[in-house]
Amino acid sequence: MSARGLWRTMVVLTVIGLGVATYLTYIHYAGIKPLCGKGGGSCEIVQTSQYSKLAGVPVALIGLIGYVVILASLIAPEGEQSRFATVAFTFVGFGFSAYLTYREIFSIHHLCEWCLSSAVIVAILMVLSTVRFLRADDRTRTRPQTGPGARAASTQTAGADAPESTAPVGTAQL
């Protein structure tokens, strides 16, 4: 997959995750039952459990904020810092989702399909953001220098026995 295709895939997944988190946040504040498969009971049990809030803040809202932050890191100007930020945010999101999924399985004993879909999305985003970060790192290390200062830079790193030039960059030495 090309770098552009990888980025687009990540943006689409983030927007889908944003939609899931928005829906879960909406149903929390509206006090309505979530639309879920097999009667919808599991989602409602999970959404109203003691684990549905962290320090009084709905975990759905925390997820919504997380997806907004991930999207912001994706639309920030391309660079090593923005790619690293995306990796960091997705790792945090994955860890938080893993904790919540653990609570669903071992504490609540019910699984919410919406929550699981968000966990899968953030897991895929974590993998893709890591691949994107590592690929970009490889491209920058192996990219040949081009342009006006390329020859000067290559002669400066040619070796210890290369003659030092006092001529300004871009001028010929006679």
N, C-alpha and C. Protein backbone atom coordinates (compact mmCIF):
# COMPACT_ATOMS: atom_id res chain seq x y z
N MET A 1 0.85 -1.17 0.00
CA MET A 1 0.00 0.00 0.00
C MET A 1 0.90 1.23 0.00
N SER A 2 0.55 2.21 -0.81
CA SER A 2 1.33 3.43 -0.88
C SER A 2 1.16 4.24 0.41
N ALA A 3 2.06 5.18 0.61
CA ALA A 3 1.98 6.04 1.80
C ALA A 3 0.67 6.82 1.81
N ARG A 4 0.26 7.29 0.65
CA ARG A 4 -0.99 8.05 0.54
C ARG A 4 -2.19 7.15 0.83
N GLY A 5 -2.17 5.93 0.30
CA GLY A 5 -3.25 4.98 0.54
C GLY A 5 -3.34 4.58 2.01
N LEU A 6 -2.19 4.43 2.64
CA LEU A 6 -2.15 4.11 4.06
C LEU A 6 -2.76 5.25 4.87
N TRP A 7 -2.38 6.47 4.55
CA TRP A 7 -2.91 7.65 5.24
C TRP A 7 -4.43 7.75 5.06
N ARG A 8 -4.89 7.55 3.83
CA ARG A 8 -6.33 7.62 3.56
C ARG A 8 -7.09 6.55 4.33
N THR A 9 -6.55 5.35 4.36
CA THR A 9 -7.18 4.25 5.11
C THR A 9 -7.29 4.63 6.59
N MET A 10 -6.24 5.21 7.12
CA MET A 10 -6.26 5.61 8.52
C MET A 10 -7.28 6.72 8.78
N VAL A 11 -7.38 7.66 7.87
CA VAL A 11 -8.37 8.74 8.03
C VAL A 11 -9.79 8.16 7.99
N VAL A 12 -10.05 7.26 7.05
CA VAL A 12 -11.38 6.65 6.95
C VAL A 12 -11.71 5.87 8.22
N LEU A 13 -10.77 5.06 8.70
CA LEU A 13 -11.00 4.30 9.94
C LEU A 13 -11.22 5.23 11.13
N THR A 14 -10.48 6.31 11.19
CA THR A 14 -10.64 7.27 12.29
C THR A 14 -12.01 7.92 12.23
N VAL A 15 -12.48 8.27 11.05
CA VAL A 15 -13.81 8.87 10.91
C VAL A 15 -14.89 7.86 11.31
N ILE A 16 -14.71 6.60 10.94
CA ILE A 16 -15.68 5.57 11.36
C ILE A 16 -15.66 5.44 12.89
N GLY A 17 -14.47 5.39 13.47
CA GLY A 17 -14.35 5.33 14.93
C GLY A 17 -14.97 6.55 15.59
N LEU A 18 -14.79 7.69 14.98
CA LEU A 18 -15.41 8.93 15.46
C LEU A 18 -16.93 8.81 15.44
N GLY A 19 -17.45 8.20 14.40
CA GLY A 19 -18.90 7.99 14.31
C GLY A 19 -19.41 7.06 15.41
N VAL A 20 -18.68 5.97 15.66
CA VAL A 20 -19.07 5.02 16.71
C VAL A 20 -19.04 5.72 18.07
N ALA A 21 -17.95 6.43 18.35
CA ALA A 21 -17.82 7.11 19.64
C ALA A 21 -18.86 8.21 19.80
N THR A 22 -19.18 8.90 18.71
CA THR A 22 -20.22 9.94 18.77
C THR A 22 -21.56 9.31 19.10
N TYR A 23 -21.88 8.20 18.46
CA TYR A 23 -23.14 7.51 18.73
C TYR A 23 -23.21 7.07 20.19
N LEU A 24 -22.14 6.45 20.69
CA LEU A 24 -22.13 5.99 22.08
C LEU A 24 -22.23 7.14 23.07
N THR A 25 -21.58 8.26 22.74
CA THR A 25 -21.68 9.44 23.60
C THR A 25 -23.10 10.00 23.58
N TYR A 26 -23.69 10.04 22.40
CA TYR A 26 -25.06 10.54 22.27
C TYR A 26 -26.05 9.70 23.09
N ILE A 27 -25.98 8.38 22.95
CA ILE A 27 -26.94 7.54 23.68
C ILE A 27 -26.72 7.63 25.19
N HIS A 28 -25.47 7.87 25.59
CA HIS A 28 -25.21 8.03 27.02
C HIS A 28 -25.94 9.27 27.56
N TYR A 29 -25.74 10.40 26.89
CA TYR A 29 -26.34 11.65 27.38
C TYR A 29 -27.84 11.73 27.12
N ALA A 30 -28.31 11.07 26.06
CA ALA A 30 -29.74 11.08 25.77
C ALA A 30 -30.50 10.08 26.64
N GLY A 31 -29.78 9.15 27.23
CA GLY A 31 -30.42 8.15 28.09
C GLY A 31 -31.27 7.15 27.33
N ILE A 32 -30.90 6.88 26.07
CA ILE A 32 -31.67 5.92 25.27
C ILE A 32 -30.90 4.61 25.18
N LYS A 33 -31.62 3.56 24.81
CA LYS A 33 -31.00 2.24 24.66
C LYS A 33 -30.23 2.18 23.35
N PRO A 34 -29.05 1.57 23.38
CA PRO A 34 -28.28 1.44 22.14
C PRO A 34 -28.88 0.39 21.22
N LEU A 35 -28.70 0.60 19.93
CA LEU A 35 -29.12 -0.39 18.94
C LEU A 35 -28.02 -1.44 18.84
N CYS A 36 -28.33 -2.64 19.26
CA CYS A 36 -27.34 -3.73 19.24
C CYS A 36 -28.01 -5.00 18.77
N GLY A 37 -27.19 -5.94 18.34
CA GLY A 37 -27.70 -7.23 17.90
C GLY A 37 -28.15 -8.08 19.07
N LYS A 38 -28.90 -9.11 18.77
CA LYS A 38 -29.37 -10.09 19.75
C LYS A 38 -30.08 -9.44 20.93
N GLY A 39 -31.04 -8.60 20.66
CA GLY A 39 -31.84 -8.01 21.72
C GLY A 39 -31.29 -6.74 22.32
N GLY A 40 -30.03 -6.43 22.11
CA GLY A 40 -29.46 -5.18 22.58
C GLY A 40 -29.16 -5.12 24.06
N GLY A 41 -29.43 -6.19 24.80
CA GLY A 41 -29.22 -6.17 26.23
C GLY A 41 -27.78 -6.01 26.66
N SER A 42 -26.86 -6.64 25.94
CA SER A 42 -25.45 -6.58 26.33
C SER A 42 -24.91 -5.16 26.25
N CYS A 43 -25.25 -4.45 25.19
CA CYS A 43 -24.75 -3.08 25.04
C CYS A 43 -25.29 -2.20 26.16
N GLU A 44 -26.55 -2.37 26.45
CA GLU A 44 -27.14 -1.54 27.50
C GLU A 44 -26.50 -1.85 28.85
N ILE A 45 -26.26 -3.11 29.13
CA ILE A 45 -25.61 -3.49 30.39
C ILE A 45 -24.22 -2.88 30.48
N VAL A 46 -23.46 -2.96 29.40
CA VAL A 46 -22.10 -2.40 29.38
C VAL A 46 -22.17 -0.88 29.52
N GLN A 47 -23.07 -0.25 28.77
CA GLN A 47 -23.17 1.21 28.77
C GLN A 47 -23.63 1.80 30.10
N THR A 48 -24.29 0.99 30.92
CA THR A 48 -24.77 1.48 32.22
C THR A 48 -24.00 0.88 33.39
N SER A 49 -22.93 0.16 33.11
CA SER A 49 -22.15 -0.47 34.18
C SER A 49 -21.30 0.57 34.91
N GLN A 50 -20.73 0.16 36.02
CA GLN A 50 -19.85 1.05 36.78
C GLN A 50 -18.59 1.39 35.99
N TYR A 51 -18.26 0.59 34.98
CA TYR A 51 -17.06 0.82 34.17
C TYR A 51 -17.32 1.73 32.97
N SER A 52 -18.56 2.22 32.84
CA SER A 52 -18.88 3.08 31.70
C SER A 52 -18.45 4.52 31.93
N LYS A 53 -17.91 4.81 33.11
CA LYS A 53 -17.40 6.15 33.42
C LYS A 53 -16.03 6.01 34.07
N LEU A 54 -15.21 7.00 33.82
CA LEU A 54 -13.89 7.07 34.44
C LEU A 54 -13.81 8.45 35.10
N ALA A 55 -13.75 8.47 36.40
CA ALA A 55 -13.73 9.72 37.17
C ALA A 55 -14.95 10.59 36.82
N GLY A 56 -16.09 9.93 36.61
CA GLY A 56 -17.32 10.64 36.31
C GLY A 56 -17.51 11.01 34.84
N VAL A 57 -16.51 10.75 34.01
CA VAL A 57 -16.58 11.08 32.58
C VAL A 57 -16.92 9.80 31.82
N PRO A 58 -17.95 9.84 30.96
CA PRO A 58 -18.29 8.63 30.18
C PRO A 58 -17.11 8.20 29.30
N VAL A 59 -16.83 6.90 29.30
CA VAL A 59 -15.72 6.41 28.49
C VAL A 59 -16.00 6.63 27.00
N ALA A 60 -17.27 6.71 26.62
CA ALA A 60 -17.59 7.01 25.23
C ALA A 60 -17.10 8.41 24.85
N LEU A 61 -17.23 9.36 25.77
CA LEU A 61 -16.73 10.72 25.52
C LEU A 61 -15.21 10.72 25.46
N ILE A 62 -14.57 9.95 26.31
CA ILE A 62 -13.11 9.84 26.26
C ILE A 62 -12.68 9.26 24.91
N GLY A 63 -13.42 8.25 24.42
CA GLY A 63 -13.14 7.69 23.10
C GLY A 63 -13.34 8.70 21.99
N LEU A 64 -14.40 9.48 22.09
CA LEU A 64 -14.68 10.52 21.10
C LEU A 64 -13.52 11.53 21.05
N ILE A 65 -13.09 11.97 22.22
CA ILE A 65 -11.95 12.90 22.27
C ILE A 65 -10.70 12.24 21.70
N GLY A 66 -10.50 10.97 22.01
CA GLY A 66 -9.35 10.25 21.48
C GLY A 66 -9.34 10.20 19.96
N TYR A 67 -10.50 9.90 19.37
CA TYR A 67 -10.56 9.86 17.90
C TYR A 67 -10.35 11.24 17.29
N VAL A 68 -10.84 12.29 17.94
CA VAL A 68 -10.60 13.65 17.44
C VAL A 68 -9.10 13.96 17.46
N VAL A 69 -8.42 13.57 18.53
CA VAL A 69 -6.99 13.80 18.65
C VAL A 69 -6.22 13.00 17.58
N ILE A 70 -6.61 11.76 17.37
CA ILE A 70 -5.96 10.95 16.33
C ILE A 70 -6.17 11.59 14.96
N LEU A 71 -7.40 12.02 14.68
CA LEU A 71 -7.67 12.68 13.40
C LEU A 71 -6.84 13.95 13.25
N ALA A 72 -6.73 14.73 14.32
CA ALA A 72 -5.91 15.94 14.26
C ALA A 72 -4.45 15.62 13.95
N SER A 73 -3.94 14.53 14.53
CA SER A 73 -2.54 14.15 14.25
C SER A 73 -2.38 13.68 12.81
N LEU A 74 -3.43 13.13 12.25
CA LEU A 74 -3.36 12.67 10.85
C LEU A 74 -3.44 13.83 9.86
N ILE A 75 -4.18 14.87 10.20
CA ILE A 75 -4.31 15.99 9.25
C ILE A 75 -3.29 17.09 9.52
N ALA A 76 -2.47 16.92 10.56
CA ALA A 76 -1.37 17.86 10.82
C ALA A 76 -0.36 17.73 9.68
N PRO A 77 0.44 18.77 9.47
CA PRO A 77 1.46 18.68 8.41
C PRO A 77 2.32 17.42 8.59
N GLU A 78 2.57 16.75 7.48
CA GLU A 78 3.33 15.50 7.48
C GLU A 78 4.74 15.73 8.00
N GLY A 79 5.12 14.92 8.93
CA GLY A 79 6.47 15.00 9.49
C GLY A 79 6.66 13.91 10.52
N GLU A 80 7.89 13.76 10.95
CA GLU A 80 8.18 12.71 11.92
C GLU A 80 7.41 12.92 13.22
N GLN A 81 7.28 14.17 13.66
CA GLN A 81 6.57 14.45 14.91
C GLN A 81 5.09 14.10 14.82
N SER A 82 4.44 14.44 13.71
CA SER A 82 3.01 14.14 13.58
C SER A 82 2.79 12.64 13.44
N ARG A 83 3.69 11.95 12.73
CA ARG A 83 3.57 10.49 12.62
C ARG A 83 3.78 9.82 13.97
N PHE A 84 4.75 10.31 14.73
CA PHE A 84 4.99 9.75 16.06
C PHE A 84 3.80 10.03 16.98
N ALA A 85 3.23 11.22 16.88
CA ALA A 85 2.06 11.56 17.70
C ALA A 85 0.91 10.60 17.39
N THR A 86 0.70 10.29 16.12
CA THR A 86 -0.36 9.35 15.75
C THR A 86 -0.10 7.98 16.37
N VAL A 87 1.15 7.53 16.32
CA VAL A 87 1.50 6.25 16.94
C VAL A 87 1.22 6.30 18.44
N ALA A 88 1.64 7.35 19.10
CA ALA A 88 1.45 7.47 20.55
C ALA A 88 -0.03 7.48 20.90
N PHE A 89 -0.82 8.26 20.19
CA PHE A 89 -2.25 8.35 20.49
C PHE A 89 -2.96 7.02 20.23
N THR A 90 -2.58 6.33 19.17
CA THR A 90 -3.24 5.05 18.90
C THR A 90 -2.82 3.98 19.90
N PHE A 91 -1.58 4.03 20.37
CA PHE A 91 -1.15 3.09 21.41
C PHE A 91 -1.92 3.33 22.71
N VAL A 92 -2.10 4.58 23.07
CA VAL A 92 -2.88 4.90 24.27
C VAL A 92 -4.33 4.44 24.08
N GLY A 93 -4.89 4.73 22.91
CA GLY A 93 -6.26 4.30 22.62
C GLY A 93 -6.40 2.79 22.66
N PHE A 94 -5.42 2.09 22.12
CA PHE A 94 -5.45 0.63 22.15
C PHE A 94 -5.39 0.11 23.58
N GLY A 95 -4.51 0.67 24.37
CA GLY A 95 -4.40 0.25 25.77
C GLY A 95 -5.69 0.48 26.54
N PHE A 96 -6.30 1.63 26.32
CA PHE A 96 -7.56 1.95 26.99
C PHE A 96 -8.67 0.99 26.53
N SER A 97 -8.73 0.73 25.23
CA SER A 97 -9.73 -0.20 24.70
C SER A 97 -9.49 -1.62 25.21
N ALA A 98 -8.24 -2.01 25.31
CA ALA A 98 -7.93 -3.35 25.83
C ALA A 98 -8.39 -3.48 27.28
N TYR A 99 -8.17 -2.44 28.06
CA TYR A 99 -8.63 -2.44 29.45
C TYR A 99 -10.15 -2.55 29.51
N LEU A 100 -10.85 -1.75 28.70
CA LEU A 100 -12.31 -1.78 28.72
C LEU A 100 -12.85 -3.13 28.23
N THR A 101 -12.21 -3.72 27.24
CA THR A 101 -12.63 -5.03 26.75
C THR A 101 -12.39 -6.09 27.83
N TYR A 102 -11.29 -5.98 28.53
CA TYR A 102 -11.03 -6.87 29.66
C TYR A 102 -12.17 -6.76 30.68
N ARG A 103 -12.57 -5.54 30.99
CA ARG A 103 -13.66 -5.33 31.95
C ARG A 103 -14.98 -5.92 31.43
N GLU A 104 -15.23 -5.77 30.14
CA GLU A 104 -16.45 -6.35 29.55
C GLU A 104 -16.47 -7.87 29.74
N ILE A 105 -15.34 -8.50 29.49
CA ILE A 105 -15.27 -9.96 29.54
C ILE A 105 -15.26 -10.48 30.97
N PHE A 106 -14.40 -9.92 31.81
CA PHE A 106 -14.16 -10.52 33.12
C PHE A 106 -14.91 -9.88 34.28
N SER A 107 -15.40 -8.66 34.11
CA SER A 107 -16.11 -8.01 35.21
C SER A 107 -17.61 -7.88 34.93
N ILE A 108 -17.95 -7.43 33.73
CA ILE A 108 -19.36 -7.21 33.38
C ILE A 108 -19.99 -8.48 32.84
N HIS A 109 -19.20 -9.32 32.19
CA HIS A 109 -19.65 -10.59 31.60
C HIS A 109 -20.64 -10.37 30.46
N HIS A 110 -20.48 -9.25 29.76
CA HIS A 110 -21.28 -8.94 28.57
C HIS A 110 -20.39 -8.15 27.62
N LEU A 111 -20.65 -8.34 26.33
CA LEU A 111 -19.88 -7.64 25.31
C LEU A 111 -20.79 -6.70 24.52
N CYS A 112 -20.33 -5.48 24.35
CA CYS A 112 -21.04 -4.48 23.55
C CYS A 112 -20.42 -4.46 22.15
N GLU A 113 -21.25 -4.70 21.14
CA GLU A 113 -20.73 -4.75 19.76
C GLU A 113 -20.14 -3.41 19.33
N TRP A 114 -20.73 -2.31 19.77
CA TRP A 114 -20.22 -0.99 19.43
C TRP A 114 -18.83 -0.79 20.05
N CYS A 115 -18.71 -1.19 21.30
CA CYS A 115 -17.42 -1.05 21.99
C CYS A 115 -16.35 -1.92 21.33
N LEU A 116 -16.74 -3.15 20.98
CA LEU A 116 -15.79 -4.04 20.32
C LEU A 116 -15.38 -3.51 18.94
N SER A 117 -16.33 -2.93 18.22
CA SER A 117 -15.98 -2.37 16.91
C SER A 117 -14.98 -1.23 17.08
N SER A 118 -15.15 -0.41 18.09
CA SER A 118 -14.20 0.67 18.35
C SER A 118 -12.83 0.09 18.73
N ALA A 119 -12.82 -0.96 19.53
CA ALA A 119 -11.56 -1.60 19.92
C ALA A 119 -10.83 -2.16 18.71
N VAL A 120 -11.57 -2.77 17.79
CA VAL A 120 -10.95 -3.30 16.57
C VAL A 120 -10.40 -2.17 15.71
N ILE A 121 -11.18 -1.10 15.58
CA ILE A 121 -10.74 0.05 14.78
C ILE A 121 -9.45 0.63 15.34
N VAL A 122 -9.39 0.85 16.65
CA VAL A 122 -8.19 1.45 17.23
C VAL A 122 -7.01 0.49 17.17
N ALA A 123 -7.26 -0.82 17.23
CA ALA A 123 -6.17 -1.79 17.08
C ALA A 123 -5.59 -1.73 15.67
N ILE A 124 -6.45 -1.67 14.67
CA ILE A 124 -5.99 -1.55 13.28
C ILE A 124 -5.24 -0.24 13.09
N LEU A 125 -5.77 0.85 13.66
CA LEU A 125 -5.10 2.15 13.56
C LEU A 125 -3.71 2.11 14.20
N MET A 126 -3.58 1.40 15.31
CA MET A 126 -2.28 1.29 15.97
C MET A 126 -1.27 0.60 15.06
N VAL A 127 -1.68 -0.49 14.44
CA VAL A 127 -0.79 -1.23 13.54
C VAL A 127 -0.42 -0.36 12.34
N LEU A 128 -1.44 0.25 11.71
CA LEU A 128 -1.18 1.07 10.52
C LEU A 128 -0.32 2.29 10.84
N SER A 129 -0.56 2.92 11.99
CA SER A 129 0.24 4.10 12.34
C SER A 129 1.69 3.71 12.60
N THR A 130 1.91 2.54 13.17
CA THR A 130 3.27 2.06 13.39
C THR A 130 3.96 1.78 12.06
N VAL A 131 3.26 1.12 11.16
CA VAL A 131 3.81 0.86 9.82
C VAL A 131 4.13 2.17 9.12
N ARG A 132 3.22 3.12 9.19
CA ARG A 132 3.41 4.44 8.55
C ARG A 132 4.64 5.14 9.13
N PHE A 133 4.79 5.10 10.44
CA PHE A 133 5.93 5.74 11.08
C PHE A 133 7.24 5.08 10.67
N LEU A 134 7.29 3.76 10.69
CA LEU A 134 8.52 3.05 10.34
C LEU A 134 8.86 3.18 8.86
N ARG A 135 7.86 3.15 8.01
CA ARG A 135 8.12 3.32 6.57
C ARG A 135 8.68 4.69 6.27
N ALA A 136 8.13 5.71 6.88
CA ALA A 136 8.60 7.07 6.63
C ALA A 136 10.02 7.23 7.12
N ASP A 137 10.35 6.57 8.23
CA ASP A 137 11.70 6.62 8.76
C ASP A 137 12.67 6.00 7.76
N ASP A 138 12.29 4.88 7.15
CA ASP A 138 13.14 4.24 6.15
C ASP A 138 13.33 5.13 4.93
N ARG A 139 12.25 5.79 4.50
CA ARG A 139 12.35 6.66 3.32
C ARG A 139 13.29 7.82 3.57
N THR A 140 13.25 8.41 4.75
CA THR A 140 14.09 9.56 5.01
C THR A 140 15.56 9.18 5.15
N ARG A 141 15.85 7.96 5.63
CA ARG A 141 17.25 7.54 5.77
C ARG A 141 17.87 7.18 4.43
N THR A 142 17.08 6.63 3.51
CA THR A 142 17.66 6.16 2.26
C THR A 142 17.43 7.12 1.10
N ARG A 143 16.74 8.20 1.34
CA ARG A 143 16.46 9.15 0.26
C ARG A 143 17.74 9.88 -0.14
N PRO A 144 18.13 9.81 -1.42
CA PRO A 144 19.33 10.53 -1.84
C PRO A 144 19.07 12.03 -1.83
N GLN A 145 20.09 12.77 -1.48
CA GLN A 145 19.94 14.22 -1.47
C GLN A 145 20.00 14.74 -2.90
N THR A 146 19.13 15.67 -3.19
CA THR A 146 19.12 16.30 -4.50
C THR A 146 19.03 17.80 -4.30
N GLY A 147 19.36 18.52 -5.32
CA GLY A 147 19.25 19.97 -5.25
C GLY A 147 20.61 20.63 -5.18
N PRO A 148 20.62 21.96 -5.01
CA PRO A 148 21.87 22.72 -5.08
C PRO A 148 22.90 22.34 -4.02
N GLY A 149 22.50 22.01 -2.81
CA GLY A 149 23.47 21.71 -1.76
C GLY A 149 23.85 20.25 -1.68
N ALA A 150 23.33 19.40 -2.58
CA ALA A 150 23.55 17.96 -2.48
C ALA A 150 25.01 17.60 -2.68
N ARG A 151 25.66 18.22 -3.67
CA ARG A 151 27.06 17.88 -3.95
C ARG A 151 27.95 18.33 -2.80
N ALA A 152 27.68 19.50 -2.25
CA ALA A 152 28.47 19.99 -1.12
C ALA A 152 28.30 19.07 0.08
N ALA A 153 27.10 18.62 0.31
CA ALA A 153 26.85 17.73 1.44
C ALA A 153 27.54 16.40 1.23
N SER A 154 27.55 15.91 -0.01
CA SER A 154 28.18 14.61 -0.25
C SER A 154 29.69 14.71 -0.16
N THR A 155 30.29 15.85 -0.52
CA THR A 155 31.74 15.97 -0.41
C THR A 155 32.16 16.17 1.04
N GLN A 156 31.27 16.73 1.85
CA GLN A 156 31.60 16.92 3.27
C GLN A 156 31.62 15.59 4.00
N THR A 157 30.85 14.62 3.53
CA THR A 157 30.80 13.33 4.20
C THR A 157 31.59 12.26 3.44
N ALA A 158 32.39 12.67 2.47
CA ALA A 158 33.09 11.71 1.64
C ALA A 158 34.18 10.97 2.40
N GLY A 159 34.77 11.58 3.37
CA GLY A 159 35.81 10.89 4.14
C GLY A 159 36.80 11.88 4.71
N ALA A 160 37.68 11.39 5.53
CA ALA A 160 38.64 12.26 6.19
C ALA A 160 39.70 12.77 5.24
N ASP A 161 39.97 12.02 4.17
CA ASP A 161 41.03 12.43 3.25
C ASP A 161 40.53 13.40 2.18
N ALA A 162 39.27 13.75 2.18
CA ALA A 162 38.75 14.70 1.20
C ALA A 162 39.26 16.10 1.56
N PRO A 163 39.70 16.87 0.54
CA PRO A 163 40.22 18.21 0.83
C PRO A 163 39.10 19.11 1.32
N GLU A 164 39.42 19.92 2.30
CA GLU A 164 38.43 20.86 2.81
C GLU A 164 38.35 22.04 1.87
N SER A 165 37.15 22.48 1.60
CA SER A 165 36.93 23.59 0.70
C SER A 165 36.59 24.83 1.49
N THR A 166 37.20 25.95 1.09
CA THR A 166 36.85 27.21 1.71
C THR A 166 35.94 28.03 0.81
N ALA A 167 35.66 27.50 -0.39
CA ALA A 167 34.78 28.20 -1.32
C ALA A 167 33.34 28.08 -0.84
N PRO A 168 32.54 29.11 -1.05
CA PRO A 168 31.14 29.05 -0.65
C PRO A 168 30.43 27.93 -1.41
N VAL A 169 29.38 27.38 -0.80
CA VAL A 169 28.60 26.32 -1.41
C VAL A 169 28.02 26.84 -2.72
N GLY A 170 28.12 26.04 -3.75
CA GLY A 170 27.54 26.40 -5.05
C GLY A 170 28.53 27.10 -5.97
N THR A 171 29.76 27.34 -5.52
CA THR A 171 30.76 27.95 -6.40
C THR A 171 31.84 26.92 -6.69
N ALA A 172 32.47 27.08 -7.80
CA ALA A 172 33.52 26.12 -8.21
C ALA A 172 34.85 26.55 -7.60
N GLN A 173 35.65 25.56 -7.27
CA GLN A 173 36.98 25.83 -6.74
C GLN A 173 37.97 25.63 -7.89
N LEU A 174 38.86 26.60 -8.13
CA LEU A 174 39.81 26.50 -9.23
C LEU A 174 41.14 25.97 -8.81
